[in-house]
């Protein structure tokens, strides 16, 4: 799957990500399902009703996760490298956005054992 998807924010920002990355979100996966007949599947555009900074960080995490999802158990995943780029003032808003996007974006536990952030799915 090498096709790209546009993800838009409420304040007019647009981000291009690979479909594989967008499919990490259950909500986006449903929007993009060609059998669903949703307009998003035809236009390959997913509107996310959040500010641009929230959408950007959410997509950044989705890309980070996609990059490291097949890493061997011995290789270190630089979780702190990602979490250091999240301004503390947007953490709650980001958690709510991740919760809405469902499934693979947030951990099933209440907090990540490394960062304390719920949306970081560390294993």
PDB file of N, CA and C in Angstrom:
ATOM      1  N   UNK A   1       0.840  -1.180   0.000  1.00  0.00           N
ATOM      2  CA  UNK A   1       0.000   0.000   0.000  1.00  0.00           C
ATOM      3  C   UNK A   1       0.887   1.246   0.000  1.00  0.00           C
ATOM      4  N   UNK A   2       1.046   1.829  -1.125  1.00  0.00           N
ATOM      5  CA  UNK A   2       1.893   3.014  -1.210  1.00  0.00           C
ATOM      6  C   UNK A   2       1.095   4.275  -1.462  1.00  0.00           C
ATOM      7  N   UNK A   3      -0.239   4.181  -1.430  1.00  0.00           N
ATOM      8  CA  UNK A   3      -1.003   5.386  -1.702  1.00  0.00           C
ATOM      9  C   UNK A   3      -1.052   6.295  -0.475  1.00  0.00           C
ATOM     10  N   UNK A   4      -1.324   7.549  -0.738  1.00  0.00           N
ATOM     11  CA  UNK A   4      -1.302   8.575   0.292  1.00  0.00           C
ATOM     12  C   UNK A   4      -2.708   9.040   0.621  1.00  0.00           C
ATOM     13  N   UNK A   5      -2.878   9.543   1.830  1.00  0.00           N
ATOM     14  CA  UNK A   5      -4.153  10.034   2.328  1.00  0.00           C
ATOM     15  C   UNK A   5      -3.929  11.435   2.879  1.00  0.00           C
ATOM     16  N   UNK A   6      -4.891  12.315   2.643  1.00  0.00           N
ATOM     17  CA  UNK A   6      -4.828  13.674   3.196  1.00  0.00           C
ATOM     18  C   UNK A   6      -5.644  13.695   4.491  1.00  0.00           C
ATOM     19  N   UNK A   7      -5.048  14.245   5.539  1.00  0.00           N
ATOM     20  CA  UNK A   7      -5.733  14.408   6.821  1.00  0.00           C
ATOM     21  C   UNK A   7      -5.791  15.903   7.094  1.00  0.00           C
ATOM     22  N   UNK A   8      -6.992  16.417   7.345  1.00  0.00           N
ATOM     23  CA  UNK A   8      -7.161  17.859   7.524  1.00  0.00           C
ATOM     24  C   UNK A   8      -7.584  18.190   8.951  1.00  0.00           C
ATOM     25  N   UNK A   9      -7.237  19.402   9.376  1.00  0.00           N
ATOM     26  CA  UNK A   9      -7.609  19.895  10.705  1.00  0.00           C
ATOM     27  C   UNK A   9      -8.666  20.984  10.563  1.00  0.00           C
ATOM     28  N   UNK A  10      -9.257  21.375  11.680  1.00  0.00           N
ATOM     29  CA  UNK A  10     -10.306  22.398  11.651  1.00  0.00           C
ATOM     30  C   UNK A  10      -9.773  23.784  11.328  1.00  0.00           C
ATOM     31  N   UNK A  11      -8.488  24.021  11.563  1.00  0.00           N
ATOM     32  CA  UNK A  11      -7.933  25.347  11.291  1.00  0.00           C
ATOM     33  C   UNK A  11      -7.208  25.417   9.947  1.00  0.00           C
ATOM     34  N   UNK A  12      -7.521  24.486   9.050  1.00  0.00           N
ATOM     35  CA  UNK A  12      -7.060  24.589   7.673  1.00  0.00           C
ATOM     36  C   UNK A  12      -5.756  23.908   7.322  1.00  0.00           C
ATOM     37  N   UNK A  13      -5.140  23.203   8.246  1.00  0.00           N
ATOM     38  CA  UNK A  13      -3.907  22.490   7.928  1.00  0.00           C
ATOM     39  C   UNK A  13      -4.246  21.152   7.276  1.00  0.00           C
ATOM     40  N   UNK A  14      -3.391  20.722   6.362  1.00  0.00           N
ATOM     41  CA  UNK A  14      -3.564  19.432   5.697  1.00  0.00           C
ATOM     42  C   UNK A  14      -2.245  18.676   5.766  1.00  0.00           C
ATOM     43  N   UNK A  15      -2.329  17.400   6.048  1.00  0.00           N
ATOM     44  CA  UNK A  15      -1.155  16.547   6.194  1.00  0.00           C
ATOM     45  C   UNK A  15      -1.320  15.344   5.272  1.00  0.00           C
ATOM     46  N   UNK A  16      -0.245  14.944   4.627  1.00  0.00           N
ATOM     47  CA  UNK A  16      -0.256  13.762   3.769  1.00  0.00           C
ATOM     48  C   UNK A  16       0.468  12.627   4.494  1.00  0.00           C
ATOM     49  N   UNK A  17      -0.212  11.501   4.645  1.00  0.00           N
ATOM     50  CA  UNK A  17       0.385  10.321   5.274  1.00  0.00           C
ATOM     51  C   UNK A  17       0.059   9.097   4.422  1.00  0.00           C
ATOM     52  N   UNK A  18       0.856   8.076   4.573  1.00  0.00           N
ATOM     53  CA  UNK A  18       0.585   6.826   3.859  1.00  0.00           C
ATOM     54  C   UNK A  18      -0.681   6.186   4.443  1.00  0.00           C
ATOM     55  N   UNK A  19      -1.404   5.497   3.609  1.00  0.00           N
ATOM     56  CA  UNK A  19      -2.642   4.831   4.036  1.00  0.00           C
ATOM     57  C   UNK A  19      -2.377   3.886   5.213  1.00  0.00           C
ATOM     58  N   UNK A  20      -1.233   3.201   5.206  1.00  0.00           N
ATOM     59  CA  UNK A  20      -0.888   2.290   6.300  1.00  0.00           C
ATOM     60  C   UNK A  20      -0.867   3.032   7.637  1.00  0.00           C
ATOM     61  N   UNK A  21      -0.348   4.241   7.634  1.00  0.00           N
ATOM     62  CA  UNK A  21      -0.300   5.051   8.855  1.00  0.00           C
ATOM     63  C   UNK A  21      -1.712   5.457   9.262  1.00  0.00           C
ATOM     64  N   UNK A  22      -2.509   5.931   8.318  1.00  0.00           N
ATOM     65  CA  UNK A  22      -3.887   6.355   8.612  1.00  0.00           C
ATOM     66  C   UNK A  22      -4.724   5.187   9.130  1.00  0.00           C
ATOM     67  N   UNK A  23      -4.448   3.990   8.652  1.00  0.00           N
ATOM     68  CA  UNK A  23      -5.215   2.820   9.079  1.00  0.00           C
ATOM     69  C   UNK A  23      -4.946   2.418  10.524  1.00  0.00           C
ATOM     70  N   UNK A  24      -3.963   3.022  11.170  1.00  0.00           N
ATOM     71  CA  UNK A  24      -3.727   2.766  12.590  1.00  0.00           C
ATOM     72  C   UNK A  24      -4.884   3.291  13.426  1.00  0.00           C
ATOM     73  N   UNK A  25      -5.632   4.228  12.877  1.00  0.00           N
ATOM     74  CA  UNK A  25      -6.816   4.768  13.543  1.00  0.00           C
ATOM     75  C   UNK A  25      -8.039   4.012  13.053  1.00  0.00           C
ATOM     76  N   UNK A  26      -8.803   3.457  13.973  1.00  0.00           N
ATOM     77  CA  UNK A  26     -10.029   2.767  13.589  1.00  0.00           C
ATOM     78  C   UNK A  26     -11.003   3.688  12.885  1.00  0.00           C
ATOM     79  N   UNK A  27     -11.069   4.935  13.339  1.00  0.00           N
ATOM     80  CA  UNK A  27     -11.959   5.917  12.724  1.00  0.00           C
ATOM     81  C   UNK A  27     -11.546   6.193  11.288  1.00  0.00           C
ATOM     82  N   UNK A  28     -10.272   6.465  11.072  1.00  0.00           N
ATOM     83  CA  UNK A  28      -9.794   6.740   9.714  1.00  0.00           C
ATOM     84  C   UNK A  28      -9.899   5.500   8.835  1.00  0.00           C
ATOM     85  N   UNK A  29      -9.628   4.336   9.408  1.00  0.00           N
ATOM     86  CA  UNK A  29      -9.731   3.096   8.638  1.00  0.00           C
ATOM     87  C   UNK A  29     -11.157   2.924   8.112  1.00  0.00           C
ATOM     88  N   UNK A  30     -12.148   3.207   8.953  1.00  0.00           N
ATOM     89  CA  UNK A  30     -13.549   3.116   8.523  1.00  0.00           C
ATOM     90  C   UNK A  30     -13.869   4.137   7.445  1.00  0.00           C
ATOM     91  N   UNK A  31     -13.366   5.361   7.616  1.00  0.00           N
ATOM     92  CA  UNK A  31     -13.604   6.413   6.625  1.00  0.00           C
ATOM     93  C   UNK A  31     -13.037   6.036   5.264  1.00  0.00           C
ATOM     94  N   UNK A  32     -11.886   5.384   5.264  1.00  0.00           N
ATOM     95  CA  UNK A  32     -11.162   5.092   4.024  1.00  0.00           C
ATOM     96  C   UNK A  32     -11.525   3.755   3.393  1.00  0.00           C
ATOM     97  N   UNK A  33     -12.369   2.984   4.055  1.00  0.00           N
ATOM     98  CA  UNK A  33     -12.778   1.687   3.524  1.00  0.00           C
ATOM     99  C   UNK A  33     -13.579   1.894   2.243  1.00  0.00           C
ATOM    100  N   UNK A  34     -13.075   1.386   1.139  1.00  0.00           N
ATOM    101  CA  UNK A  34     -13.722   1.612  -0.163  1.00  0.00           C
ATOM    102  C   UNK A  34     -15.098   0.969  -0.255  1.00  0.00           C
ATOM    103  N   UNK A  35     -15.373  -0.018   0.556  1.00  0.00           N
ATOM    104  CA  UNK A  35     -16.683  -0.666   0.542  1.00  0.00           C
ATOM    105  C   UNK A  35     -17.713   0.086   1.375  1.00  0.00           C
ATOM    106  N   UNK A  36     -17.271   1.108   2.103  1.00  0.00           N
ATOM    107  CA  UNK A  36     -18.183   1.860   2.967  1.00  0.00           C
ATOM    108  C   UNK A  36     -18.988   2.915   2.217  1.00  0.00           C
ATOM    109  N   UNK A  37     -18.527   3.274   1.031  1.00  0.00           N
ATOM    110  CA  UNK A  37     -19.159   4.330   0.233  1.00  0.00           C
ATOM    111  C   UNK A  37     -19.133   5.702   0.907  1.00  0.00           C
ATOM    112  N   UNK A  38     -18.221   5.916   1.833  1.00  0.00           N
ATOM    113  CA  UNK A  38     -18.055   7.241   2.432  1.00  0.00           C
ATOM    114  C   UNK A  38     -17.328   8.137   1.441  1.00  0.00           C
ATOM    115  N   UNK A  39     -17.639   9.420   1.470  1.00  0.00           N
ATOM    116  CA  UNK A  39     -16.971  10.362   0.564  1.00  0.00           C
ATOM    117  C   UNK A  39     -15.476  10.436   0.850  1.00  0.00           C
ATOM    118  N   UNK A  40     -15.079  10.187   2.094  1.00  0.00           N
ATOM    119  CA  UNK A  40     -13.658  10.198   2.462  1.00  0.00           C
ATOM    120  C   UNK A  40     -12.886   9.111   1.718  1.00  0.00           C
ATOM    121  N   UNK A  41     -13.525   7.972   1.483  1.00  0.00           N
ATOM    122  CA  UNK A  41     -12.866   6.875   0.767  1.00  0.00           C
ATOM    123  C   UNK A  41     -12.610   7.261  -0.684  1.00  0.00           C
ATOM    124  N   UNK A  42     -13.543   7.996  -1.268  1.00  0.00           N
ATOM    125  CA  UNK A  42     -13.395   8.419  -2.661  1.00  0.00           C
ATOM    126  C   UNK A  42     -12.358   9.529  -2.783  1.00  0.00           C
ATOM    127  N   UNK A  43     -12.448  10.521  -1.894  1.00  0.00           N
ATOM    128  CA  UNK A  43     -11.535  11.673  -1.967  1.00  0.00           C
ATOM    129  C   UNK A  43     -10.190  11.410  -1.301  1.00  0.00           C
ATOM    130  N   UNK A  44     -10.102  10.308  -0.540  1.00  0.00           N
ATOM    131  CA  UNK A  44      -8.901   9.980   0.248  1.00  0.00           C
ATOM    132  C   UNK A  44      -8.510  11.144   1.154  1.00  0.00           C
ATOM    133  N   UNK A  45      -9.512  11.775   1.748  1.00  0.00           N
ATOM    134  CA  UNK A  45      -9.311  12.883   2.681  1.00  0.00           C
ATOM    135  C   UNK A  45     -10.085  12.600   3.958  1.00  0.00           C
ATOM    136  N   UNK A  46      -9.382  12.628   5.089  1.00  0.00           N
ATOM    137  CA  UNK A  46     -10.016  12.404   6.389  1.00  0.00           C
ATOM    138  C   UNK A  46     -10.011  13.700   7.185  1.00  0.00           C
ATOM    139  N   UNK A  47     -11.174  14.271   7.442  1.00  0.00           N
ATOM    140  CA  UNK A  47     -11.205  15.448   8.304  1.00  0.00           C
ATOM    141  C   UNK A  47     -11.110  15.010   9.766  1.00  0.00           C
ATOM    142  N   UNK A  48     -10.238  15.656  10.505  1.00  0.00           N
ATOM    143  CA  UNK A  48     -10.130  15.412  11.944  1.00  0.00           C
ATOM    144  C   UNK A  48     -10.514  16.723  12.608  1.00  0.00           C
ATOM    145  N   UNK A  49     -11.533  16.684  13.429  1.00  0.00           N
ATOM    146  CA  UNK A  49     -12.079  17.906  14.015  1.00  0.00           C
ATOM    147  C   UNK A  49     -11.293  18.316  15.258  1.00  0.00           C
ATOM    148  N   UNK A  50     -10.022  18.638  15.002  1.00  0.00           N
ATOM    149  CA  UNK A  50      -9.087  19.100  16.025  1.00  0.00           C
ATOM    150  C   UNK A  50      -8.211  20.183  15.412  1.00  0.00           C
ATOM    151  N   UNK A  51      -7.523  20.931  16.280  1.00  0.00           N
ATOM    152  CA  UNK A  51      -6.572  21.949  15.812  1.00  0.00           C
ATOM    153  C   UNK A  51      -5.394  21.272  15.112  1.00  0.00           C
ATOM    154  N   UNK A  52      -4.726  22.033  14.259  1.00  0.00           N
ATOM    155  CA  UNK A  52      -3.601  21.516  13.486  1.00  0.00           C
ATOM    156  C   UNK A  52      -2.493  20.913  14.330  1.00  0.00           C
ATOM    157  N   UNK A  53      -2.137  21.552  15.439  1.00  0.00           N
ATOM    158  CA  UNK A  53      -1.056  21.044  16.290  1.00  0.00           C
ATOM    159  C   UNK A  53      -1.413  19.675  16.867  1.00  0.00           C
ATOM    160  N   UNK A  54      -2.686  19.468  17.177  1.00  0.00           N
ATOM    161  CA  UNK A  54      -3.130  18.184  17.724  1.00  0.00           C
ATOM    162  C   UNK A  54      -3.075  17.112  16.637  1.00  0.00           C
ATOM    163  N   UNK A  55      -3.582  17.441  15.460  1.00  0.00           N
ATOM    164  CA  UNK A  55      -3.551  16.492  14.341  1.00  0.00           C
ATOM    165  C   UNK A  55      -2.104  16.159  13.984  1.00  0.00           C
ATOM    166  N   UNK A  56      -1.247  17.177  13.976  1.00  0.00           N
ATOM    167  CA  UNK A  56       0.166  16.957  13.655  1.00  0.00           C
ATOM    168  C   UNK A  56       0.817  15.980  14.627  1.00  0.00           C
ATOM    169  N   UNK A  57       0.628  16.183  15.925  1.00  0.00           N
ATOM    170  CA  UNK A  57       1.248  15.305  16.925  1.00  0.00           C
ATOM    171  C   UNK A  57       0.646  13.905  16.882  1.00  0.00           C
ATOM    172  N   UNK A  58      -0.651  13.826  16.632  1.00  0.00           N
ATOM    173  CA  UNK A  58      -1.300  12.531  16.526  1.00  0.00           C
ATOM    174  C   UNK A  58      -0.730  11.747  15.340  1.00  0.00           C
ATOM    175  N   UNK A  59      -0.595  12.409  14.197  1.00  0.00           N
ATOM    176  CA  UNK A  59      -0.032  11.755  13.009  1.00  0.00           C
ATOM    177  C   UNK A  59       1.448  11.443  13.192  1.00  0.00           C
ATOM    178  N   UNK A  60       2.142  12.323  13.895  1.00  0.00           N
ATOM    179  CA  UNK A  60       3.559  12.081  14.179  1.00  0.00           C
ATOM    180  C   UNK A  60       3.711  10.795  14.987  1.00  0.00           C
ATOM    181  N   UNK A  61       2.831  10.606  15.978  1.00  0.00           N
ATOM    182  CA  UNK A  61       2.877   9.382  16.769  1.00  0.00           C
ATOM    183  C   UNK A  61       2.533   8.161  15.912  1.00  0.00           C
ATOM    184  N   UNK A  62       1.520   8.304  15.051  1.00  0.00           N
ATOM    185  CA  UNK A  62       1.122   7.196  14.187  1.00  0.00           C
ATOM    186  C   UNK A  62       2.276   6.785  13.270  1.00  0.00           C
ATOM    187  N   UNK A  63       3.013   7.758  12.748  1.00  0.00           N
ATOM    188  CA  UNK A  63       4.191   7.470  11.907  1.00  0.00           C
ATOM    189  C   UNK A  63       5.302   6.823  12.731  1.00  0.00           C
ATOM    190  N   UNK A  64       5.528   7.347  13.931  1.00  0.00           N
ATOM    191  CA  UNK A  64       6.531   6.806  14.847  1.00  0.00           C
ATOM    192  C   UNK A  64       6.217   5.339  15.143  1.00  0.00           C
ATOM    193  N   UNK A  65       4.963   5.071  15.460  1.00  0.00           N
ATOM    194  CA  UNK A  65       4.536   3.714  15.785  1.00  0.00           C
ATOM    195  C   UNK A  65       4.685   2.789  14.578  1.00  0.00           C
ATOM    196  N   UNK A  66       4.287   3.260  13.397  1.00  0.00           N
ATOM    197  CA  UNK A  66       4.405   2.445  12.181  1.00  0.00           C
ATOM    198  C   UNK A  66       5.866   2.110  11.886  1.00  0.00           C
ATOM    199  N   UNK A  67       6.748   3.077  12.138  1.00  0.00           N
ATOM    200  CA  UNK A  67       8.175   2.867  11.886  1.00  0.00           C
ATOM    201  C   UNK A  67       8.752   1.782  12.795  1.00  0.00           C
ATOM    202  N   UNK A  68       8.314   1.760  14.057  1.00  0.00           N
ATOM    203  CA  UNK A  68       8.897   0.843  15.036  1.00  0.00           C
ATOM    204  C   UNK A  68       8.056  -0.401  15.314  1.00  0.00           C
ATOM    205  N   UNK A  69       6.954  -0.621  14.593  1.00  0.00           N
ATOM    206  CA  UNK A  69       6.070  -1.723  14.958  1.00  0.00           C
ATOM    207  C   UNK A  69       6.671  -3.109  14.729  1.00  0.00           C
ATOM    208  N   UNK A  70       7.633  -3.246  13.854  1.00  0.00           N
ATOM    209  CA  UNK A  70       8.230  -4.560  13.593  1.00  0.00           C
ATOM    210  C   UNK A  70       9.657  -4.672  14.116  1.00  0.00           C
ATOM    211  N   UNK A  71       9.979  -3.858  15.092  1.00  0.00           N
ATOM    212  CA  UNK A  71      11.320  -3.856  15.670  1.00  0.00           C
ATOM    213  C   UNK A  71      11.510  -5.105  16.517  1.00  0.00           C
ATOM    214  N   UNK A  72      12.687  -5.690  16.416  1.00  0.00           N
ATOM    215  CA  UNK A  72      13.010  -6.842  17.241  1.00  0.00           C
ATOM    216  C   UNK A  72      13.028  -6.468  18.711  1.00  0.00           C
ATOM    217  N   UNK A  73      12.875  -7.436  19.563  1.00  0.00           N
ATOM    218  CA  UNK A  73      12.772  -7.165  20.994  1.00  0.00           C
ATOM    219  C   UNK A  73      14.051  -6.593  21.599  1.00  0.00           C
ATOM    220  N   UNK A  74      15.192  -6.809  20.953  1.00  0.00           N
ATOM    221  CA  UNK A  74      16.453  -6.327  21.507  1.00  0.00           C
ATOM    222  C   UNK A  74      16.739  -4.873  21.156  1.00  0.00           C
ATOM    223  N   UNK A  75      16.098  -4.381  20.115  1.00  0.00           N
ATOM    224  CA  UNK A  75      16.359  -3.002  19.701  1.00  0.00           C
ATOM    225  C   UNK A  75      15.588  -2.029  20.590  1.00  0.00           C
ATOM    226  N   UNK A  76      16.253  -0.966  20.975  1.00  0.00           N
ATOM    227  CA  UNK A  76      15.618   0.056  21.803  1.00  0.00           C
ATOM    228  C   UNK A  76      14.719   0.948  20.965  1.00  0.00           C
ATOM    229  N   UNK A  77      13.517   1.179  21.446  1.00  0.00           N
ATOM    230  CA  UNK A  77      12.609   2.127  20.803  1.00  0.00           C
ATOM    231  C   UNK A  77      12.748   3.447  21.556  1.00  0.00           C
ATOM    232  N   UNK A  78      13.136   4.508  20.868  1.00  0.00           N
ATOM    233  CA  UNK A  78      13.389   5.791  21.544  1.00  0.00           C
ATOM    234  C   UNK A  78      12.096   6.530  21.908  1.00  0.00           C
ATOM    235  N   UNK A  79      11.376   5.998  22.890  1.00  0.00           N
ATOM    236  CA  UNK A  79      10.096   6.577  23.304  1.00  0.00           C
ATOM    237  C   UNK A  79      10.274   8.010  23.766  1.00  0.00           C
ATOM    238  N   UNK A  80      11.319   8.267  24.536  1.00  0.00           N
ATOM    239  CA  UNK A  80      11.534   9.616  25.066  1.00  0.00           C
ATOM    240  C   UNK A  80      11.804  10.625  23.959  1.00  0.00           C
ATOM    241  N   UNK A  81      12.400  10.171  22.874  1.00  0.00           N
ATOM    242  CA  UNK A  81      12.639  11.062  21.737  1.00  0.00           C
ATOM    243  C   UNK A  81      11.311  11.620  21.215  1.00  0.00           C
ATOM    244  N   UNK A  82      10.293  10.775  21.182  1.00  0.00           N
ATOM    245  CA  UNK A  82       8.980  11.232  20.727  1.00  0.00           C
ATOM    246  C   UNK A  82       8.288  12.082  21.791  1.00  0.00           C
ATOM    247  N   UNK A  83       8.253  11.600  23.020  1.00  0.00           N
ATOM    248  CA  UNK A  83       7.485  12.301  24.057  1.00  0.00           C
ATOM    249  C   UNK A  83       8.067  13.663  24.408  1.00  0.00           C
ATOM    250  N   UNK A  84       9.355  13.856  24.192  1.00  0.00           N
ATOM    251  CA  UNK A  84       9.963  15.161  24.464  1.00  0.00           C
ATOM    252  C   UNK A  84       9.453  16.238  23.519  1.00  0.00           C
ATOM    253  N   UNK A  85       8.890  15.838  22.384  1.00  0.00           N
ATOM    254  CA  UNK A  85       8.386  16.807  21.404  1.00  0.00           C
ATOM    255  C   UNK A  85       6.919  17.163  21.634  1.00  0.00           C
ATOM    256  N   UNK A  86       6.328  16.691  22.716  1.00  0.00           N
ATOM    257  CA  UNK A  86       4.926  16.998  23.004  1.00  0.00           C
ATOM    258  C   UNK A  86       4.862  18.090  24.068  1.00  0.00           C
ATOM    259  N   UNK A  87       4.377  19.273  23.703  1.00  0.00           N
ATOM    260  CA  UNK A  87       4.233  20.337  24.700  1.00  0.00           C
ATOM    261  C   UNK A  87       3.225  19.912  25.777  1.00  0.00           C
ATOM    262  N   UNK A  88       3.553  20.081  27.050  1.00  0.00           N
ATOM    263  CA  UNK A  88       2.659  19.641  28.130  1.00  0.00           C
ATOM    264  C   UNK A  88       1.261  20.256  28.056  1.00  0.00           C
ATOM    265  N   UNK A  89       1.162  21.463  27.514  1.00  0.00           N
ATOM    266  CA  UNK A  89      -0.136  22.135  27.480  1.00  0.00           C
ATOM    267  C   UNK A  89      -1.127  21.508  26.494  1.00  0.00           C
ATOM    268  N   UNK A  90      -0.682  20.601  25.630  1.00  0.00           N
ATOM    269  CA  UNK A  90      -1.617  19.968  24.687  1.00  0.00           C
ATOM    270  C   UNK A  90      -1.864  18.494  24.999  1.00  0.00           C
ATOM    271  N   UNK A  91      -1.284  17.979  26.071  1.00  0.00           N
ATOM    272  CA  UNK A  91      -1.378  16.550  26.367  1.00  0.00           C
ATOM    273  C   UNK A  91      -2.826  16.097  26.539  1.00  0.00           C
ATOM    274  N   UNK A  92      -3.619  16.824  27.311  1.00  0.00           N
ATOM    275  CA  UNK A  92      -5.003  16.418  27.538  1.00  0.00           C
ATOM    276  C   UNK A  92      -5.804  16.435  26.233  1.00  0.00           C
ATOM    277  N   UNK A  93      -5.642  17.494  25.465  1.00  0.00           N
ATOM    278  CA  UNK A  93      -6.331  17.602  24.179  1.00  0.00           C
ATOM    279  C   UNK A  93      -5.908  16.464  23.237  1.00  0.00           C
ATOM    280  N   UNK A  94      -4.632  16.121  23.281  1.00  0.00           N
ATOM    281  CA  UNK A  94      -4.107  15.037  22.454  1.00  0.00           C
ATOM    282  C   UNK A  94      -4.666  13.678  22.896  1.00  0.00           C
ATOM    283  N   UNK A  95      -4.793  13.481  24.195  1.00  0.00           N
ATOM    284  CA  UNK A  95      -5.388  12.245  24.708  1.00  0.00           C
ATOM    285  C   UNK A  95      -6.829  12.082  24.238  1.00  0.00           C
ATOM    286  N   UNK A  96      -7.585  13.173  24.287  1.00  0.00           N
ATOM    287  CA  UNK A  96      -8.982  13.126  23.844  1.00  0.00           C
ATOM    288  C   UNK A  96      -9.077  12.815  22.352  1.00  0.00           C
ATOM    289  N   UNK A  97      -8.199  13.426  21.560  1.00  0.00           N
ATOM    290  CA  UNK A  97      -8.185  13.173  20.115  1.00  0.00           C
ATOM    291  C   UNK A  97      -7.812  11.720  19.832  1.00  0.00           C
ATOM    292  N   UNK A  98      -6.818  11.206  20.551  1.00  0.00           N
ATOM    293  CA  UNK A  98      -6.391   9.817  20.362  1.00  0.00           C
ATOM    294  C   UNK A  98      -7.509   8.859  20.758  1.00  0.00           C
ATOM    295  N   UNK A  99      -8.226   9.188  21.822  1.00  0.00           N
ATOM    296  CA  UNK A  99      -9.332   8.348  22.258  1.00  0.00           C
ATOM    297  C   UNK A  99     -10.415   8.288  21.183  1.00  0.00           C
ATOM    298  N   UNK A 100     -10.712   9.423  20.572  1.00  0.00           N
ATOM    299  CA  UNK A 100     -11.718   9.459  19.511  1.00  0.00           C
ATOM    300  C   UNK A 100     -11.263   8.653  18.289  1.00  0.00           C
ATOM    301  N   UNK A 101      -9.978   8.713  17.977  1.00  0.00           N
ATOM    302  CA  UNK A 101      -9.467   7.996  16.805  1.00  0.00           C
ATOM    303  C   UNK A 101      -9.407   6.497  17.043  1.00  0.00           C
ATOM    304  N   UNK A 102      -9.549   6.056  18.266  1.00  0.00           N
ATOM    305  CA  UNK A 102      -9.690   4.676  18.701  1.00  0.00           C
ATOM    306  C   UNK A 102      -8.521   3.744  18.460  1.00  0.00           C
ATOM    307  N   UNK A 103      -8.717   2.597  18.963  1.00  0.00           N
ATOM    308  CA  UNK A 103      -7.891   1.405  18.903  1.00  0.00           C
ATOM    309  C   UNK A 103      -6.406   1.622  19.045  1.00  0.00           C
ATOM    310  N   UNK A 104      -5.652   1.496  17.980  1.00  0.00           N
ATOM    311  CA  UNK A 104      -4.202   1.393  18.067  1.00  0.00           C
ATOM    312  C   UNK A 104      -3.500   2.688  18.450  1.00  0.00           C
ATOM    313  N   UNK A 105      -4.222   3.799  18.575  1.00  0.00           N
ATOM    314  CA  UNK A 105      -3.558   5.045  18.929  1.00  0.00           C
ATOM    315  C   UNK A 105      -3.281   5.173  20.415  1.00  0.00           C
ATOM    316  N   UNK A 106      -4.057   4.522  21.230  1.00  0.00           N
ATOM    317  CA  UNK A 106      -3.825   4.662  22.662  1.00  0.00           C
ATOM    318  C   UNK A 106      -3.716   3.299  23.320  1.00  0.00           C
ATOM    319  N   UNK A 107      -3.056   3.308  24.437  1.00  0.00           N
ATOM    320  CA  UNK A 107      -2.820   2.080  25.166  1.00  0.00           C
ATOM    321  C   UNK A 107      -4.091   1.638  25.873  1.00  0.00           C
ATOM    322  N   UNK A 108      -4.232   0.350  26.092  1.00  0.00           N
ATOM    323  CA  UNK A 108      -5.390  -0.135  26.827  1.00  0.00           C
ATOM    324  C   UNK A 108      -5.194   0.067  28.326  1.00  0.00           C
ATOM    325  N   UNK A 109      -3.991   0.282  28.764  1.00  0.00           N
ATOM    326  CA  UNK A 109      -3.760   0.567  30.173  1.00  0.00           C
ATOM    327  C   UNK A 109      -3.983   2.052  30.429  1.00  0.00           C
ATOM    328  N   UNK A 110      -4.003   2.429  31.697  1.00  0.00           N
ATOM    329  CA  UNK A 110      -4.276   3.826  32.014  1.00  0.00           C
ATOM    330  C   UNK A 110      -3.094   4.731  31.715  1.00  0.00           C
ATOM    331  N   UNK A 111      -1.898   4.192  31.745  1.00  0.00           N
ATOM    332  CA  UNK A 111      -0.734   5.036  31.463  1.00  0.00           C
ATOM    333  C   UNK A 111       0.414   4.191  30.935  1.00  0.00           C
ATOM    334  N   UNK A 112       1.214   4.808  30.110  1.00  0.00           N
ATOM    335  CA  UNK A 112       2.401   4.157  29.579  1.00  0.00           C
ATOM    336  C   UNK A 112       3.425   4.015  30.705  1.00  0.00           C
ATOM    337  N   UNK A 113       4.060   2.890  30.804  1.00  0.00           N
ATOM    338  CA  UNK A 113       5.019   2.687  31.893  1.00  0.00           C
ATOM    339  C   UNK A 113       6.267   3.542  31.750  1.00  0.00           C
ATOM    340  N   UNK A 114       6.536   4.060  30.538  1.00  0.00           N
ATOM    341  CA  UNK A 114       7.714   4.886  30.326  1.00  0.00           C
ATOM    342  C   UNK A 114       7.431   6.373  30.486  1.00  0.00           C
ATOM    343  N   UNK A 115       6.297   6.821  29.975  1.00  0.00           N
ATOM    344  CA  UNK A 115       6.055   8.261  29.898  1.00  0.00           C
ATOM    345  C   UNK A 115       4.912   8.753  30.750  1.00  0.00           C
ATOM    346  N   UNK A 116       4.004   7.870  31.122  1.00  0.00           N
ATOM    347  CA  UNK A 116       2.807   8.294  31.821  1.00  0.00           C
ATOM    348  C   UNK A 116       1.706   8.734  30.872  1.00  0.00           C
ATOM    349  N   UNK A 117       2.013   8.866  29.591  1.00  0.00           N
ATOM    350  CA  UNK A 117       1.015   9.275  28.604  1.00  0.00           C
ATOM    351  C   UNK A 117       0.227   8.061  28.143  1.00  0.00           C
ATOM    352  N   UNK A 118      -1.070   8.183  28.119  1.00  0.00           N
ATOM    353  CA  UNK A 118      -1.927   7.060  27.752  1.00  0.00           C
ATOM    354  C   UNK A 118      -1.820   6.706  26.276  1.00  0.00           C
ATOM    355  N   UNK A 119      -1.575   7.659  25.395  1.00  0.00           N
ATOM    356  CA  UNK A 119      -1.584   7.386  23.965  1.00  0.00           C
ATOM    357  C   UNK A 119      -0.319   6.720  23.468  1.00  0.00           C
ATOM    358  N   UNK A 120       0.682   6.582  24.316  1.00  0.00           N
ATOM    359  CA  UNK A 120       1.921   5.922  23.925  1.00  0.00           C
ATOM    360  C   UNK A 120       1.765   4.428  24.173  1.00  0.00           C
ATOM    361  N   UNK A 121       1.732   3.634  23.134  1.00  0.00           N
ATOM    362  CA  UNK A 121       1.519   2.204  23.291  1.00  0.00           C
ATOM    363  C   UNK A 121       2.857   1.483  23.327  1.00  0.00           C
ATOM    364  N   UNK A 122       3.455   1.457  24.488  1.00  0.00           N
ATOM    365  CA  UNK A 122       4.749   0.788  24.662  1.00  0.00           C
ATOM    366  C   UNK A 122       4.500  -0.631  25.124  1.00  0.00           C
ATOM    367  N   UNK A 123       5.329  -1.541  24.668  1.00  0.00           N
ATOM    368  CA  UNK A 123       5.161  -2.948  25.061  1.00  0.00           C
ATOM    369  C   UNK A 123       6.402  -3.441  25.741  1.00  0.00           C
TER     370      UNK A 123
END
